[in-house]
Amino acid sequence: MITRSISKPELFKVVDVRARKTYHGCNQEWYTTEWQRRSGCGPSAASNIILYLSYTQAKPGFVKNCSSREKCVSVMEELWESVTPTLAGIPTTQMFYEAMMEYTNAHGLNLVYHVFDVPDNKYPRPRLAEAVTFIETALEKDVPVAFLNLSNGDEKKLDSWHWVTIISLEYSEAGTDAFVTILDEGLIKKINLALWYDTTTLGGGFVYFTVLLLLRGINQI
């Protein structure tokens, strides 16, 4: 099996001093209102991505700290203002990346989005290997991947109509097996990506963001 991962997964370690627990990444249950807790998976995934990018992008002074639950919630509330769920949540990759670009542009971050959609119909769906390559490319660039799952199919570790954050990938050279490690609800979970890809009935998609550097007039992505 071939493995790819972001370089610093430890940046997602969150200490909850009051509860005496350690979490990994943002948890939508930390939002203050019931509506936010019910619909906040998209903003939570967006917060994870911004928290990680803040350590890897080139803009001085833009650092988001997630070492404690309180600091994480502050970032989550900030992202909510741009990545705001509708009554149907954030059910498309386009809604997600457009909201993220609105946020990053407002904060002077020169980012480019990359998207891979998974159709609900299985037959025009790209091959699993293409999705694996997309995720692998992101992780090799040291950026997490936002994963939209509209239907979990036979993968019971996933919730349907839900955003999570991919931080690592494991796949076979034959292209038949693929697993991803995700951050979801403050936990680290490993899911069978190949099983989801083959059995999801509503599809979903993947999005990641890279910093656009202008060097001698050449775009470096």
Protein backbone atom coordinates (compact mmCIF):
# COMPACT_ATOMS: atom_id res chain seq x y z
CA MET A 1 0.00 0.00 0.00
CA ILE A 2 1.15 3.54 -0.82
CA THR A 3 0.66 6.23 1.83
CA ARG A 4 0.46 10.00 1.52
CA SER A 5 -0.15 12.52 4.30
CA ILE A 6 0.05 16.17 5.23
CA SER A 7 3.37 16.89 6.94
CA LYS A 8 2.09 18.24 10.25
CA PRO A 9 -1.08 16.45 11.40
CA GLU A 10 -0.14 17.41 14.96
CA LEU A 11 -1.25 20.98 14.19
CA PHE A 12 -4.82 19.73 14.54
CA LYS A 13 -4.35 18.68 18.15
CA VAL A 14 -6.84 20.56 20.31
CA VAL A 15 -6.76 20.52 24.11
CA ASP A 16 -10.00 20.98 26.03
CA VAL A 17 -8.75 21.88 29.50
CA ARG A 18 -12.18 21.88 31.13
CA ALA A 19 -13.16 18.47 29.82
CA ARG A 20 -9.61 17.14 30.17
CA LYS A 21 -9.77 15.75 26.65
CA THR A 22 -7.70 16.03 23.51
CA TYR A 23 -9.43 16.41 20.14
CA HIS A 24 -8.22 16.51 16.57
CA GLY A 25 -9.57 19.31 14.41
CA CYS A 26 -12.73 21.35 14.78
CA ASN A 27 -15.96 19.87 16.07
CA GLN A 28 -19.26 21.37 14.94
CA GLU A 29 -20.70 20.47 18.34
CA TRP A 30 -18.62 23.34 19.75
CA TYR A 31 -20.76 25.97 18.04
CA THR A 32 -22.95 27.95 20.40
CA THR A 33 -26.37 27.67 18.74
CA GLU A 34 -28.41 24.57 17.92
CA TRP A 35 -28.62 25.52 14.23
CA GLN A 36 -24.85 25.90 14.01
CA ARG A 37 -24.33 22.55 15.69
CA ARG A 38 -26.74 20.87 13.27
CA SER A 39 -25.42 22.45 10.08
CA GLY A 40 -21.84 23.40 10.93
CA CYS A 41 -19.88 20.58 9.27
CA GLY A 42 -18.97 22.73 6.26
CA PRO A 43 -17.68 25.69 8.30
CA SER A 44 -15.84 23.23 10.55
CA ALA A 45 -14.05 21.65 7.59
CA ALA A 46 -13.31 25.14 6.26
CA SER A 47 -11.84 26.07 9.64
CA ASN A 48 -9.58 23.00 9.59
CA ILE A 49 -8.25 24.01 6.19
CA ILE A 50 -7.66 27.64 7.16
CA LEU A 51 -5.97 26.58 10.39
CA TYR A 52 -3.54 24.41 8.45
CA LEU A 53 -2.98 26.89 5.63
CA SER A 54 -2.19 29.59 8.15
CA TYR A 55 1.02 27.70 8.91
CA THR A 56 1.98 27.01 5.31
CA GLN A 57 0.94 30.07 3.25
CA ALA A 58 3.18 33.02 2.59
CA LYS A 59 1.24 35.93 4.15
CA PRO A 60 3.03 37.18 7.30
CA GLY A 61 0.84 37.66 10.34
CA PHE A 62 -1.98 35.37 9.20
CA VAL A 63 -1.70 32.66 11.83
CA LYS A 64 -4.70 30.91 13.34
CA ASN A 65 -4.13 29.02 16.56
CA CYS A 66 -6.10 25.89 17.38
CA SER A 67 -4.16 24.68 20.40
CA SER A 68 -7.21 25.04 22.65
CA ARG A 69 -10.92 24.52 22.17
CA GLU A 70 -11.60 28.21 22.82
CA LYS A 71 -9.19 29.32 20.10
CA CYS A 72 -10.70 26.82 17.69
CA VAL A 73 -14.20 28.10 18.33
CA SER A 74 -13.03 31.64 17.62
CA VAL A 75 -11.80 30.56 14.18
CA MET A 76 -14.97 28.53 13.56
CA GLU A 77 -17.17 31.54 14.31
CA GLU A 78 -15.05 33.67 11.99
CA LEU A 79 -15.40 31.16 9.15
CA TRP A 80 -19.15 30.85 9.75
CA GLU A 81 -19.60 34.45 8.62
CA SER A 82 -18.42 33.50 5.09
CA VAL A 83 -18.98 29.76 4.88
CA THR A 84 -22.60 29.99 5.99
CA PRO A 85 -24.90 26.98 5.54
CA THR A 86 -28.26 27.32 3.85
CA LEU A 87 -31.33 25.38 4.95
CA ALA A 88 -29.84 22.49 2.94
CA GLY A 89 -26.39 23.00 4.44
CA ILE A 90 -23.57 23.39 1.90
CA PRO A 91 -24.56 20.63 -0.54
CA THR A 92 -22.17 21.38 -3.42
CA THR A 93 -18.44 21.81 -3.83
CA GLN A 94 -19.07 25.05 -5.70
CA MET A 95 -20.89 26.60 -2.76
CA PHE A 96 -18.00 25.59 -0.53
CA TYR A 97 -15.13 26.89 -2.63
CA GLU A 98 -16.93 30.12 -3.54
CA ALA A 99 -17.54 30.84 0.15
CA MET A 100 -13.94 29.99 1.00
CA MET A 101 -12.63 32.24 -1.75
CA GLU A 102 -14.80 35.07 -0.41
CA TYR A 103 -13.21 34.59 3.00
CA THR A 104 -9.63 34.29 1.77
CA ASN A 105 -9.93 37.24 -0.60
CA ALA A 106 -11.25 39.37 2.26
CA HIS A 107 -8.21 38.40 4.34
CA GLY A 108 -5.66 39.02 1.61
CA LEU A 109 -4.87 35.36 0.96
CA ASN A 110 -4.00 34.64 -2.65
CA LEU A 111 -5.46 31.14 -3.04
CA VAL A 112 -6.52 28.89 -5.90
CA TYR A 113 -9.20 26.24 -5.49
CA HIS A 114 -9.07 22.74 -6.98
CA VAL A 115 -12.20 20.64 -7.24
CA PHE A 116 -13.15 17.06 -8.08
CA ASP A 117 -16.86 16.29 -8.24
CA VAL A 118 -18.33 12.82 -7.83
CA PRO A 119 -21.65 12.51 -9.74
CA ASP A 120 -24.64 10.80 -8.17
CA ASN A 121 -24.95 8.52 -11.20
CA LYS A 122 -22.36 5.77 -10.98
CA TYR A 123 -21.84 5.24 -14.70
CA PRO A 124 -20.49 8.66 -15.80
CA ARG A 125 -18.52 8.77 -12.53
CA PRO A 126 -14.73 9.08 -13.05
CA ARG A 127 -12.61 6.10 -12.12
CA LEU A 128 -11.60 5.75 -8.49
CA ALA A 129 -7.97 6.15 -9.55
CA GLU A 130 -8.70 9.70 -10.70
CA ALA A 131 -10.13 10.63 -7.30
CA VAL A 132 -7.15 9.02 -5.59
CA THR A 133 -4.75 11.01 -7.78
CA PHE A 134 -6.59 14.23 -6.96
CA ILE A 135 -6.33 13.60 -3.21
CA GLU A 136 -2.74 12.44 -3.50
CA THR A 137 -1.78 15.62 -5.36
CA ALA A 138 -3.26 17.76 -2.58
CA LEU A 139 -1.46 15.86 0.18
CA GLU A 140 1.82 16.03 -1.73
CA LYS A 141 1.34 19.81 -1.80
CA ASP A 142 0.86 19.57 1.98
CA VAL A 143 -2.76 20.73 2.08
CA PRO A 144 -5.79 18.98 3.59
CA VAL A 145 -8.80 18.10 1.44
CA ALA A 146 -12.42 19.00 2.17
CA PHE A 147 -14.61 15.97 1.44
CA LEU A 148 -18.33 16.33 0.73
CA ASN A 149 -20.30 13.12 1.22
CA LEU A 150 -23.97 13.41 0.28
CA SER A 151 -24.66 9.69 0.68
CA ASN A 152 -22.43 7.38 2.69
CA GLY A 153 -23.44 4.25 0.77
CA ASP A 154 -22.08 1.18 2.56
CA GLU A 155 -19.38 3.06 4.48
CA LYS A 156 -20.95 3.18 7.92
CA LYS A 157 -18.22 5.33 9.49
CA LEU A 158 -19.41 8.31 7.42
CA ASP A 159 -22.48 10.45 8.00
CA SER A 160 -24.47 11.39 4.92
CA TRP A 161 -24.89 15.03 3.82
CA HIS A 162 -21.67 15.87 5.62
CA TRP A 163 -18.29 17.59 5.18
CA VAL A 164 -15.10 16.15 6.69
CA THR A 165 -11.37 16.86 6.29
CA ILE A 166 -8.95 14.39 4.69
CA ILE A 167 -5.42 14.41 6.12
CA SER A 168 -3.95 11.18 4.74
CA LEU A 169 -4.44 8.57 2.02
CA GLU A 170 -3.55 4.90 1.61
CA TYR A 171 -4.07 3.05 -1.65
CA SER A 172 -2.98 -0.05 -3.53
CA GLU A 173 -0.90 0.13 -6.69
CA ALA A 174 -3.58 -1.90 -8.44
CA GLY A 175 -6.06 0.90 -7.74
CA THR A 176 -8.66 -1.38 -6.18
CA ASP A 177 -8.21 -0.37 -2.54
CA ALA A 178 -8.16 3.13 -1.10
CA PHE A 179 -8.58 4.46 2.42
CA VAL A 180 -8.49 7.99 3.79
CA THR A 181 -7.94 9.31 7.29
CA ILE A 182 -10.34 12.10 8.12
CA LEU A 183 -11.01 14.63 10.85
CA ASP A 184 -14.65 14.51 11.90
CA GLU A 185 -16.31 15.73 15.10
CA GLY A 186 -12.92 16.28 16.72
CA LEU A 187 -11.91 12.68 16.05
CA ILE A 188 -9.53 10.90 13.69
CA LYS A 189 -11.31 8.26 11.61
CA LYS A 190 -10.17 5.92 8.85
CA ILE A 191 -12.71 5.19 6.14
CA ASN A 192 -12.85 2.96 3.09
CA LEU A 193 -12.82 5.45 0.23
CA ALA A 194 -13.18 2.75 -2.42
CA LEU A 195 -16.29 1.38 -0.71
CA TRP A 196 -17.83 4.85 -0.48
CA TYR A 197 -16.95 5.65 -4.08
CA ASP A 198 -18.57 2.46 -5.33
CA THR A 199 -21.75 2.60 -3.24
CA THR A 200 -22.65 6.27 -2.72
CA THR A 201 -25.98 7.05 -4.35
CA LEU A 202 -25.78 10.85 -4.23
CA GLY A 203 -22.06 11.39 -4.75
CA GLY A 204 -20.24 14.42 -3.40
CA GLY A 205 -16.78 15.75 -4.11
CA PHE A 206 -13.39 16.98 -2.95
CA VAL A 207 -11.89 20.47 -2.71
CA TYR A 208 -8.46 21.74 -1.77
CA PHE A 209 -6.74 25.12 -1.86
CA THR A 210 -3.19 26.16 -2.70
CA VAL A 211 -1.36 29.44 -2.32
CA LEU A 212 -0.78 31.35 -5.55
CA LEU A 213 2.70 32.87 -5.55
CA LEU A 214 3.69 35.41 -8.16
CA LEU A 215 7.36 34.96 -8.98
CA ARG A 216 8.86 36.91 -11.88
CA GLY A 217 5.48 37.06 -13.52
CA ILE A 218 4.98 33.28 -13.40
CA ASN A 219 2.14 31.76 -11.43
CA GLN A 220 3.40 29.13 -9.01
CA ILE A 221 0.60 26.88 -7.75
